[in-house]
Amino acid sequence: MSKSFISERRELAHRSGADVDVTLYWQPALDELIVSVSERQGGHFEVRPQRSLALDVYYHPYAYAASTEGRQ
């Protein structure tokens, strides 16, 4: 993903837990929602949910992690 697409993301919500940061973004250029999960141990993955599932993915990202590609 190019830096220009990342810089165009708009943060809609953010939360931090024990060892994880979860952010819900909207990317206007593609009109899509993205849930980004960053683990303090260095892992990171993103989920691009359907609009109707965005908040559920935001609150329960690991339930949807298996469907993502390139999880680090």
C-alpha atoms as a PDB file:
ATOM      1  CA  MET A   1       0.000   0.000   0.000  1.00  0.00           C
ATOM      2  CA  SER A   2       1.408   3.380  -0.947  1.00  0.00           C
ATOM      3  CA  LYS A   3       2.076   6.067   1.630  1.00  0.00           C
ATOM      4  CA  SER A   4      -0.414   8.409  -0.045  1.00  0.00           C
ATOM      5  CA  PHE A   5      -3.272   5.976   0.660  1.00  0.00           C
ATOM      6  CA  ILE A   6      -2.175   5.563   4.274  1.00  0.00           C
ATOM      7  CA  SER A   7      -1.897   9.322   4.793  1.00  0.00           C
ATOM      8  CA  GLU A   8      -5.430   9.801   3.452  1.00  0.00           C
ATOM      9  CA  ARG A   9      -6.901   7.603   6.167  1.00  0.00           C
ATOM     10  CA  ARG A  10      -9.134   9.338   8.663  1.00  0.00           C
ATOM     11  CA  GLU A  11      -9.265   7.975  12.194  1.00  0.00           C
ATOM     12  CA  LEU A  12     -12.813   7.332  13.360  1.00  0.00           C
ATOM     13  CA  ALA A  13     -12.100   5.512  16.636  1.00  0.00           C
ATOM     14  CA  HIS A  14      -9.127   4.277  18.639  1.00  0.00           C
ATOM     15  CA  ARG A  15      -8.754   2.114  21.701  1.00  0.00           C
ATOM     16  CA  SER A  16      -5.847   0.586  23.604  1.00  0.00           C
ATOM     17  CA  GLY A  17      -5.881  -2.570  25.673  1.00  0.00           C
ATOM     18  CA  ALA A  18      -3.378  -4.643  27.599  1.00  0.00           C
ATOM     19  CA  ASP A  19      -1.047  -5.308  24.678  1.00  0.00           C
ATOM     20  CA  VAL A  20      -2.925  -4.041  21.647  1.00  0.00           C
ATOM     21  CA  ASP A  21      -3.983  -0.841  19.892  1.00  0.00           C
ATOM     22  CA  VAL A  22      -7.045  -0.978  17.640  1.00  0.00           C
ATOM     23  CA  THR A  23      -7.963   1.820  15.246  1.00  0.00           C
ATOM     24  CA  LEU A  24     -10.951   2.188  12.947  1.00  0.00           C
ATOM     25  CA  TYR A  25     -10.161   4.218   9.840  1.00  0.00           C
ATOM     26  CA  TRP A  26     -12.125   5.473   6.865  1.00  0.00           C
ATOM     27  CA  GLN A  27     -10.219   5.801   3.612  1.00  0.00           C
ATOM     28  CA  PRO A  28     -12.102   8.372   1.511  1.00  0.00           C
ATOM     29  CA  ALA A  29     -10.272   7.717  -1.771  1.00  0.00           C
ATOM     30  CA  LEU A  30     -11.550   4.128  -1.772  1.00  0.00           C
ATOM     31  CA  ASP A  31     -14.577   4.753   0.467  1.00  0.00           C
ATOM     32  CA  GLU A  32     -13.682   1.801   2.639  1.00  0.00           C
ATOM     33  CA  LEU A  33     -13.366   1.091   6.348  1.00  0.00           C
ATOM     34  CA  ILE A  34     -10.231  -0.454   7.833  1.00  0.00           C
ATOM     35  CA  VAL A  35      -9.619  -1.863  11.294  1.00  0.00           C
ATOM     36  CA  SER A  36      -5.911  -1.785  12.110  1.00  0.00           C
ATOM     37  CA  VAL A  37      -4.534  -3.886  14.977  1.00  0.00           C
ATOM     38  CA  SER A  38      -1.030  -3.261  16.335  1.00  0.00           C
ATOM     39  CA  GLU A  39       0.312  -5.570  19.000  1.00  0.00           C
ATOM     40  CA  ARG A  40       3.006  -4.296  21.320  1.00  0.00           C
ATOM     41  CA  GLN A  41       5.066  -7.422  20.581  1.00  0.00           C
ATOM     42  CA  GLY A  42       5.322  -6.180  17.001  1.00  0.00           C
ATOM     43  CA  GLY A  43       2.477  -7.989  15.247  1.00  0.00           C
ATOM     44  CA  HIS A  44       0.139  -6.059  12.989  1.00  0.00           C
ATOM     45  CA  PHE A  45      -2.838  -6.863  10.808  1.00  0.00           C
ATOM     46  CA  GLU A  46      -5.707  -5.091   9.127  1.00  0.00           C
ATOM     47  CA  VAL A  47      -9.261  -6.098   8.365  1.00  0.00           C
ATOM     48  CA  ARG A  48     -11.395  -4.425   5.711  1.00  0.00           C
ATOM     49  CA  PRO A  49     -14.884  -5.198   6.979  1.00  0.00           C
ATOM     50  CA  GLN A  50     -18.229  -4.766   5.326  1.00  0.00           C
ATOM     51  CA  ARG A  51     -19.816  -1.557   6.601  1.00  0.00           C
ATOM     52  CA  SER A  52     -22.423  -3.445   8.585  1.00  0.00           C
ATOM     53  CA  LEU A  53     -19.675  -5.323  10.470  1.00  0.00           C
ATOM     54  CA  ALA A  54     -17.220  -2.473  11.065  1.00  0.00           C
ATOM     55  CA  LEU A  55     -17.990  -1.874  14.742  1.00  0.00           C
ATOM     56  CA  ASP A  56     -18.084  -5.581  15.500  1.00  0.00           C
ATOM     57  CA  VAL A  57     -14.659  -5.988  13.885  1.00  0.00           C
ATOM     58  CA  TYR A  58     -13.408  -2.949  15.823  1.00  0.00           C
ATOM     59  CA  TYR A  59     -14.457  -4.477  19.153  1.00  0.00           C
ATOM     60  CA  HIS A  60     -13.563  -8.100  18.276  1.00  0.00           C
ATOM     61  CA  PRO A  61     -10.767  -7.967  15.674  1.00  0.00           C
ATOM     62  CA  TYR A  62      -9.288 -11.352  16.547  1.00  0.00           C
ATOM     63  CA  ALA A  63     -12.555 -13.047  15.642  1.00  0.00           C
ATOM     64  CA  TYR A  64     -12.003 -11.743  12.109  1.00  0.00           C
ATOM     65  CA  ALA A  65      -8.197 -12.084  11.961  1.00  0.00           C
ATOM     66  CA  ALA A  66      -8.292 -15.510  10.306  1.00  0.00           C
ATOM     67  CA  SER A  67      -9.902 -13.939   7.243  1.00  0.00           C
ATOM     68  CA  THR A  68      -7.041 -11.444   6.732  1.00  0.00           C
ATOM     69  CA  GLU A  69      -4.110 -11.983   4.442  1.00  0.00           C
ATOM     70  CA  GLY A  70      -0.552 -11.148   5.342  1.00  0.00           C
ATOM     71  CA  ARG A  71      -0.921 -11.145   9.112  1.00  0.00           C
ATOM     72  CA  GLN A  72       2.472 -10.500  10.619  1.00  0.00           C
END
